[in-house]
Amino acid sequence: MNECPMCCSALQAIDVAPCFDCGHAPRELDECRQGAHDYYVCALWDRELVLCDFCYADFGSYFPDYWGMPDGPLPDYPLHIVRDVEAPTIAQDMYCPTCQHRLAFLLFLQHARTRNADESSSGKLP
């Protein structure tokens, strides 16, 4: 994929730490190399995503409308850990300089917004 699924900007190949949310940040790359974080494969909205211990703990701070849910108070997202990431390493992913996220996160975000918009319009979300 050469184009961002959210904004259609050109994607750039970069090194990333395992975390889908902050893994593109240079500081996170350094912290991954130093073994400063644990990483988890998590499940949410019928998809898996990888989060570091910090992003996992902070996930509830995302406003619901960011994920395509109705605006309102911060919900208790049904995020749960499936397993630990064994031997986390630096890998390559694509990055959108406009959205400032790596492709793995952007694909999860796209899925979440589509899924949550569909559920919201069908009355399955509060």
Protein backbone atom coordinates (compact mmCIF):
# COMPACT_ATOMS: atom_id res chain seq x y z
CA MET A 1 0.00 0.00 0.00
CA ASN A 2 1.51 3.32 -1.06
CA GLU A 3 -1.35 5.57 0.04
CA CYS A 4 -2.76 6.31 3.48
CA PRO A 5 -6.17 4.64 3.94
CA MET A 6 -7.40 7.67 5.90
CA CYS A 7 -6.17 10.74 3.98
CA CYS A 8 -4.65 9.35 0.75
CA SER A 9 -1.22 10.93 1.43
CA ALA A 10 1.86 9.09 0.22
CA LEU A 11 3.21 6.66 2.80
CA GLN A 12 6.89 6.41 3.75
CA ALA A 13 8.75 3.29 4.88
CA ILE A 14 10.16 3.68 8.41
CA ASP A 15 11.48 1.59 11.28
CA VAL A 16 8.90 0.90 13.99
CA ALA A 17 8.69 -0.64 17.43
CA PRO A 18 5.87 -3.19 17.91
CA CYS A 19 3.27 -0.74 19.32
CA PHE A 20 0.73 0.22 16.65
CA ASP A 21 -0.01 3.51 18.45
CA CYS A 22 3.41 4.95 19.34
CA GLY A 23 5.81 2.55 17.60
CA HIS A 24 6.68 5.11 14.92
CA ALA A 25 8.11 7.60 17.41
CA PRO A 26 11.92 7.79 17.59
CA ARG A 27 11.78 7.71 21.41
CA GLU A 28 9.76 4.49 21.31
CA LEU A 29 12.32 2.92 18.98
CA ASP A 30 15.05 3.71 21.52
CA GLU A 31 12.95 2.41 24.40
CA CYS A 32 12.21 -0.80 22.49
CA ARG A 33 15.92 -1.36 21.90
CA GLN A 34 16.52 -0.81 25.64
CA GLY A 35 13.73 -3.23 26.62
CA ALA A 36 11.90 -0.45 28.47
CA HIS A 37 8.39 -1.65 27.58
CA ASP A 38 6.29 -4.76 27.52
CA TYR A 39 4.16 -5.25 24.41
CA TYR A 40 0.80 -6.98 24.17
CA VAL A 41 -1.31 -8.36 21.37
CA CYS A 42 -4.74 -7.00 22.23
CA ALA A 43 -8.20 -7.65 20.83
CA LEU A 44 -10.81 -4.98 20.24
CA TRP A 45 -13.68 -4.71 17.77
CA ASP A 46 -12.98 -8.07 16.13
CA ARG A 47 -9.35 -7.17 15.36
CA GLU A 48 -5.98 -7.53 16.98
CA LEU A 49 -3.55 -4.70 17.59
CA VAL A 50 -0.22 -4.49 19.39
CA LEU A 51 0.19 -1.97 22.18
CA CYS A 52 3.02 -1.17 24.55
CA ASP A 53 2.27 -1.14 28.28
CA PHE A 54 1.93 2.68 28.26
CA CYS A 55 -0.48 2.84 25.30
CA TYR A 56 -2.49 -0.06 26.72
CA ALA A 57 -2.90 1.81 30.02
CA ASP A 58 -3.71 5.07 28.21
CA PHE A 59 -6.10 3.63 25.60
CA GLY A 60 -9.19 4.76 27.51
CA SER A 61 -8.25 8.41 26.96
CA TYR A 62 -9.31 8.27 23.28
CA PHE A 63 -12.59 10.09 22.77
CA PRO A 64 -15.28 7.77 21.36
CA ASP A 65 -15.86 9.87 18.21
CA TYR A 66 -12.22 9.20 17.20
CA TRP A 67 -13.16 5.53 16.83
CA GLY A 68 -16.42 6.26 14.97
CA MET A 69 -18.63 5.95 18.02
CA PRO A 70 -21.21 8.50 19.14
CA ASP A 71 -19.73 11.48 20.96
CA GLY A 72 -20.07 11.24 24.70
CA PRO A 73 -18.22 10.43 27.90
CA LEU A 74 -15.19 8.18 27.72
CA PRO A 75 -16.47 4.60 27.55
CA ASP A 76 -14.90 1.50 29.03
CA TYR A 77 -13.46 0.08 25.78
CA PRO A 78 -13.61 -3.73 25.65
CA LEU A 79 -9.85 -3.95 25.03
CA HIS A 80 -8.21 -7.09 26.37
CA ILE A 81 -4.79 -8.69 26.20
CA VAL A 82 -4.64 -11.85 24.10
CA ARG A 83 -0.93 -12.59 24.68
CA ASP A 84 2.42 -10.96 25.33
CA VAL A 85 4.73 -10.14 22.42
CA GLU A 86 7.74 -12.39 22.89
CA ALA A 87 11.15 -10.89 22.01
CA PRO A 88 9.93 -7.54 20.60
CA THR A 89 12.05 -6.22 17.75
CA ILE A 90 12.28 -3.25 15.42
CA ALA A 91 10.53 -3.85 12.09
CA GLN A 92 9.49 -1.83 9.03
CA ASP A 93 6.07 -0.36 8.37
CA MET A 94 4.67 2.45 6.29
CA TYR A 95 4.01 5.84 7.90
CA CYS A 96 1.67 8.69 7.02
CA PRO A 97 3.31 12.07 7.70
CA THR A 98 -0.09 13.78 7.48
CA CYS A 99 -1.95 11.53 9.96
CA GLN A 100 1.25 10.94 11.93
CA HIS A 101 0.59 7.24 12.43
CA ARG A 102 1.96 4.00 11.08
CA LEU A 103 -0.04 1.93 8.64
CA ALA A 104 -0.87 -0.83 11.16
CA PHE A 105 -2.60 1.75 13.37
CA LEU A 106 -4.33 3.45 10.43
CA LEU A 107 -5.77 0.14 9.20
CA PHE A 108 -7.05 -0.61 12.71
CA LEU A 109 -8.55 2.90 12.91
CA GLN A 110 -10.22 2.49 9.52
CA HIS A 111 -11.73 -0.84 10.62
CA ALA A 112 -12.90 0.60 13.95
CA ARG A 113 -14.57 3.62 12.38
CA THR A 114 -16.37 1.52 9.77
CA ARG A 115 -17.45 -1.10 12.31
CA ASN A 116 -18.56 1.41 14.93
CA ALA A 117 -20.41 3.59 12.41
CA ASP A 118 -22.27 0.49 11.16
CA GLU A 119 -23.16 -0.55 14.73
CA SER A 120 -24.13 2.98 15.69
CA SER A 121 -26.49 3.31 12.73
CA SER A 122 -28.03 -0.11 13.46
CA GLY A 123 -28.62 0.82 17.13
CA LYS A 124 -26.11 -1.66 18.59
CA LEU A 125 -24.02 1.06 20.24
CA PRO A 126 -25.42 3.27 22.99
